[in-house]
Amino acid sequence: MIYKYNENNKRIINDGFNVVDVYNEKFSNIDYVVVNLDGEHGTCINTKSTKYWFILYGKANVYLNDEVSEVTQGDFVIINRNVKHNIIGKVKFGVVCTPPFDASSEKYD
């Protein structure tokens, strides 16, 4: 099965942060979105899902608990549940969540 990237599925979080839903089938054990970020995601902890970020283009700093790393195109980041995380920069990245993202499990500082 093929799912096409479609800008019509865009959710505007704020001026510098939007999410394009690519795959979020009901009853699946994953979901996939593409994030366009120009600024900061915000520090949070997800209590339910493991997130997998694939950097499509751009450059950013990723914060995982107390560590910071620069990421660029082609880098892959794994964020286990209950890990404090943030990303700051101008970057486009794909995100797989398993189980699927649930906003009620995302706790922001």
C-alpha atoms as a PDB file:
ATOM      1  CA  MET A   1       0.000   0.000   0.000  1.00  0.00           C
ATOM      2  CA  ILE A   2       1.265   3.507  -0.798  1.00  0.00           C
ATOM      3  CA  TYR A   3       0.409   6.647   1.154  1.00  0.00           C
ATOM      4  CA  LYS A   4       1.192   9.940  -0.562  1.00  0.00           C
ATOM      5  CA  TYR A   5       2.503  13.051   1.169  1.00  0.00           C
ATOM      6  CA  ASN A   6      -0.327  15.563   0.859  1.00  0.00           C
ATOM      7  CA  GLU A   7      -0.172  19.179   2.065  1.00  0.00           C
ATOM      8  CA  ASN A   8      -3.980  19.106   2.454  1.00  0.00           C
ATOM      9  CA  ASN A   9      -3.463  17.076   5.614  1.00  0.00           C
ATOM     10  CA  LYS A  10      -1.463  19.915   7.228  1.00  0.00           C
ATOM     11  CA  ARG A  11      -2.088  20.945  10.829  1.00  0.00           C
ATOM     12  CA  ILE A  12      -0.714  24.363  11.792  1.00  0.00           C
ATOM     13  CA  ILE A  13       0.586  24.252  15.362  1.00  0.00           C
ATOM     14  CA  ASN A  14       2.011  27.801  15.199  1.00  0.00           C
ATOM     15  CA  ASP A  15       3.794  30.056  12.670  1.00  0.00           C
ATOM     16  CA  GLY A  16       6.980  27.986  12.762  1.00  0.00           C
ATOM     17  CA  PHE A  17       5.579  24.514  13.410  1.00  0.00           C
ATOM     18  CA  ASN A  18       3.248  22.442  11.229  1.00  0.00           C
ATOM     19  CA  VAL A  19       2.533  18.750  10.878  1.00  0.00           C
ATOM     20  CA  VAL A  20       1.433  16.867   7.767  1.00  0.00           C
ATOM     21  CA  ASP A  21      -0.423  13.630   8.506  1.00  0.00           C
ATOM     22  CA  VAL A  22       0.787  10.975   6.066  1.00  0.00           C
ATOM     23  CA  TYR A  23      -0.358   7.747   7.747  1.00  0.00           C
ATOM     24  CA  ASN A  24      -2.667   7.478  10.746  1.00  0.00           C
ATOM     25  CA  GLU A  25      -4.957   4.550  10.061  1.00  0.00           C
ATOM     26  CA  LYS A  26      -7.327   3.623  12.836  1.00  0.00           C
ATOM     27  CA  PHE A  27      -6.366   0.342  14.544  1.00  0.00           C
ATOM     28  CA  SER A  28      -2.749   0.502  13.318  1.00  0.00           C
ATOM     29  CA  ASN A  29       0.158   0.201  15.750  1.00  0.00           C
ATOM     30  CA  ILE A  30       2.048   3.167  14.208  1.00  0.00           C
ATOM     31  CA  ASP A  31       1.473   6.565  12.685  1.00  0.00           C
ATOM     32  CA  TYR A  32       3.665   8.712  10.431  1.00  0.00           C
ATOM     33  CA  VAL A  33       3.774  12.489  10.030  1.00  0.00           C
ATOM     34  CA  VAL A  34       6.132  15.011   8.464  1.00  0.00           C
ATOM     35  CA  VAL A  35       7.037  18.006  10.621  1.00  0.00           C
ATOM     36  CA  ASN A  36       8.159  21.388   9.276  1.00  0.00           C
ATOM     37  CA  LEU A  37       9.828  23.309  12.091  1.00  0.00           C
ATOM     38  CA  ASP A  38      11.360  26.775  12.117  1.00  0.00           C
ATOM     39  CA  GLY A  39      11.912  27.406  15.800  1.00  0.00           C
ATOM     40  CA  GLU A  40      11.267  25.174  18.780  1.00  0.00           C
ATOM     41  CA  HIS A  41       9.069  22.125  19.287  1.00  0.00           C
ATOM     42  CA  GLY A  42       8.927  22.566  23.058  1.00  0.00           C
ATOM     43  CA  THR A  43      10.321  20.309  25.787  1.00  0.00           C
ATOM     44  CA  CYS A  44       8.052  17.374  26.529  1.00  0.00           C
ATOM     45  CA  ILE A  45       7.854  13.773  27.658  1.00  0.00           C
ATOM     46  CA  ASN A  46       5.654  11.223  25.915  1.00  0.00           C
ATOM     47  CA  THR A  47       4.409   8.634  28.383  1.00  0.00           C
ATOM     48  CA  LYS A  48       2.943   6.279  25.776  1.00  0.00           C
ATOM     49  CA  SER A  49       4.900   6.244  22.489  1.00  0.00           C
ATOM     50  CA  THR A  50       8.404   5.725  21.213  1.00  0.00           C
ATOM     51  CA  LYS A  51       9.172   8.284  18.489  1.00  0.00           C
ATOM     52  CA  TYR A  52      11.491   7.804  15.529  1.00  0.00           C
ATOM     53  CA  TRP A  53      12.659  11.001  13.803  1.00  0.00           C
ATOM     54  CA  PHE A  54      14.303  10.939  10.359  1.00  0.00           C
ATOM     55  CA  ILE A  55      15.816  14.292   9.377  1.00  0.00           C
ATOM     56  CA  LEU A  56      14.804  15.057   5.772  1.00  0.00           C
ATOM     57  CA  TYR A  57      16.575  18.419   5.502  1.00  0.00           C
ATOM     58  CA  GLY A  58      17.846  21.294   7.587  1.00  0.00           C
ATOM     59  CA  LYS A  59      19.782  21.468  10.813  1.00  0.00           C
ATOM     60  CA  ALA A  60      18.666  21.451  14.441  1.00  0.00           C
ATOM     61  CA  ASN A  61      19.707  20.716  17.994  1.00  0.00           C
ATOM     62  CA  VAL A  62      18.001  17.719  19.586  1.00  0.00           C
ATOM     63  CA  TYR A  63      17.727  17.535  23.349  1.00  0.00           C
ATOM     64  CA  LEU A  64      17.292  14.085  24.922  1.00  0.00           C
ATOM     65  CA  ASN A  65      17.123  14.307  28.710  1.00  0.00           C
ATOM     66  CA  ASP A  66      20.280  16.297  29.573  1.00  0.00           C
ATOM     67  CA  GLU A  67      22.180  15.687  26.311  1.00  0.00           C
ATOM     68  CA  VAL A  68      22.177  17.894  23.211  1.00  0.00           C
ATOM     69  CA  SER A  69      23.249  16.825  19.704  1.00  0.00           C
ATOM     70  CA  GLU A  70      23.215  18.576  16.343  1.00  0.00           C
ATOM     71  CA  VAL A  71      21.281  16.738  13.627  1.00  0.00           C
ATOM     72  CA  THR A  72      21.295  17.234   9.860  1.00  0.00           C
ATOM     73  CA  GLN A  73      19.867  15.584   6.756  1.00  0.00           C
ATOM     74  CA  GLY A  74      19.931  11.782   6.963  1.00  0.00           C
ATOM     75  CA  ASP A  75      20.249  11.551  10.755  1.00  0.00           C
ATOM     76  CA  PHE A  76      17.913   9.236  12.667  1.00  0.00           C
ATOM     77  CA  VAL A  77      16.805   9.857  16.264  1.00  0.00           C
ATOM     78  CA  ILE A  78      15.061   7.383  18.564  1.00  0.00           C
ATOM     79  CA  ILE A  79      13.146   8.828  21.511  1.00  0.00           C
ATOM     80  CA  ASN A  80      11.938   6.164  23.907  1.00  0.00           C
ATOM     81  CA  ARG A  81       8.808   6.847  25.927  1.00  0.00           C
ATOM     82  CA  ASN A  82       9.368   8.798  29.147  1.00  0.00           C
ATOM     83  CA  VAL A  83      12.451  10.574  27.716  1.00  0.00           C
ATOM     84  CA  LYS A  84      12.407  14.374  27.977  1.00  0.00           C
ATOM     85  CA  HIS A  85      13.009  15.776  24.482  1.00  0.00           C
ATOM     86  CA  ASN A  86      12.985  18.891  22.339  1.00  0.00           C
ATOM     87  CA  ILE A  87      14.206  19.969  18.903  1.00  0.00           C
ATOM     88  CA  ILE A  88      15.210  23.518  17.981  1.00  0.00           C
ATOM     89  CA  GLY A  89      16.162  24.679  14.489  1.00  0.00           C
ATOM     90  CA  LYS A  90      14.966  24.974  10.909  1.00  0.00           C
ATOM     91  CA  VAL A  91      14.310  21.412   9.864  1.00  0.00           C
ATOM     92  CA  LYS A  92      11.906  19.044   8.139  1.00  0.00           C
ATOM     93  CA  PHE A  93      11.658  15.561   9.620  1.00  0.00           C
ATOM     94  CA  GLY A  94       9.559  12.434   9.404  1.00  0.00           C
ATOM     95  CA  VAL A  95       8.134  11.029  12.632  1.00  0.00           C
ATOM     96  CA  VAL A  96       6.960   7.490  13.288  1.00  0.00           C
ATOM     97  CA  CYS A  97       5.205   6.915  16.622  1.00  0.00           C
ATOM     98  CA  THR A  98       4.481   3.516  18.055  1.00  0.00           C
ATOM     99  CA  PRO A  99       1.932   3.134  19.419  1.00  0.00           C
ATOM    100  CA  PRO A 100       0.282   5.971  17.464  1.00  0.00           C
ATOM    101  CA  PHE A 101       0.587   9.499  18.836  1.00  0.00           C
ATOM    102  CA  ASP A 102      -1.916  10.440  21.513  1.00  0.00           C
ATOM    103  CA  ALA A 103      -1.822  14.123  22.520  1.00  0.00           C
ATOM    104  CA  SER A 104      -2.996  13.275  26.032  1.00  0.00           C
ATOM    105  CA  SER A 105       0.253  11.338  26.604  1.00  0.00           C
ATOM    106  CA  GLU A 106       2.470  14.334  25.658  1.00  0.00           C
ATOM    107  CA  LYS A 107       3.445  16.274  28.794  1.00  0.00           C
ATOM    108  CA  TYR A 108       5.097  19.695  28.234  1.00  0.00           C
ATOM    109  CA  ASP A 109       7.379  21.539  30.658  1.00  0.00           C
END
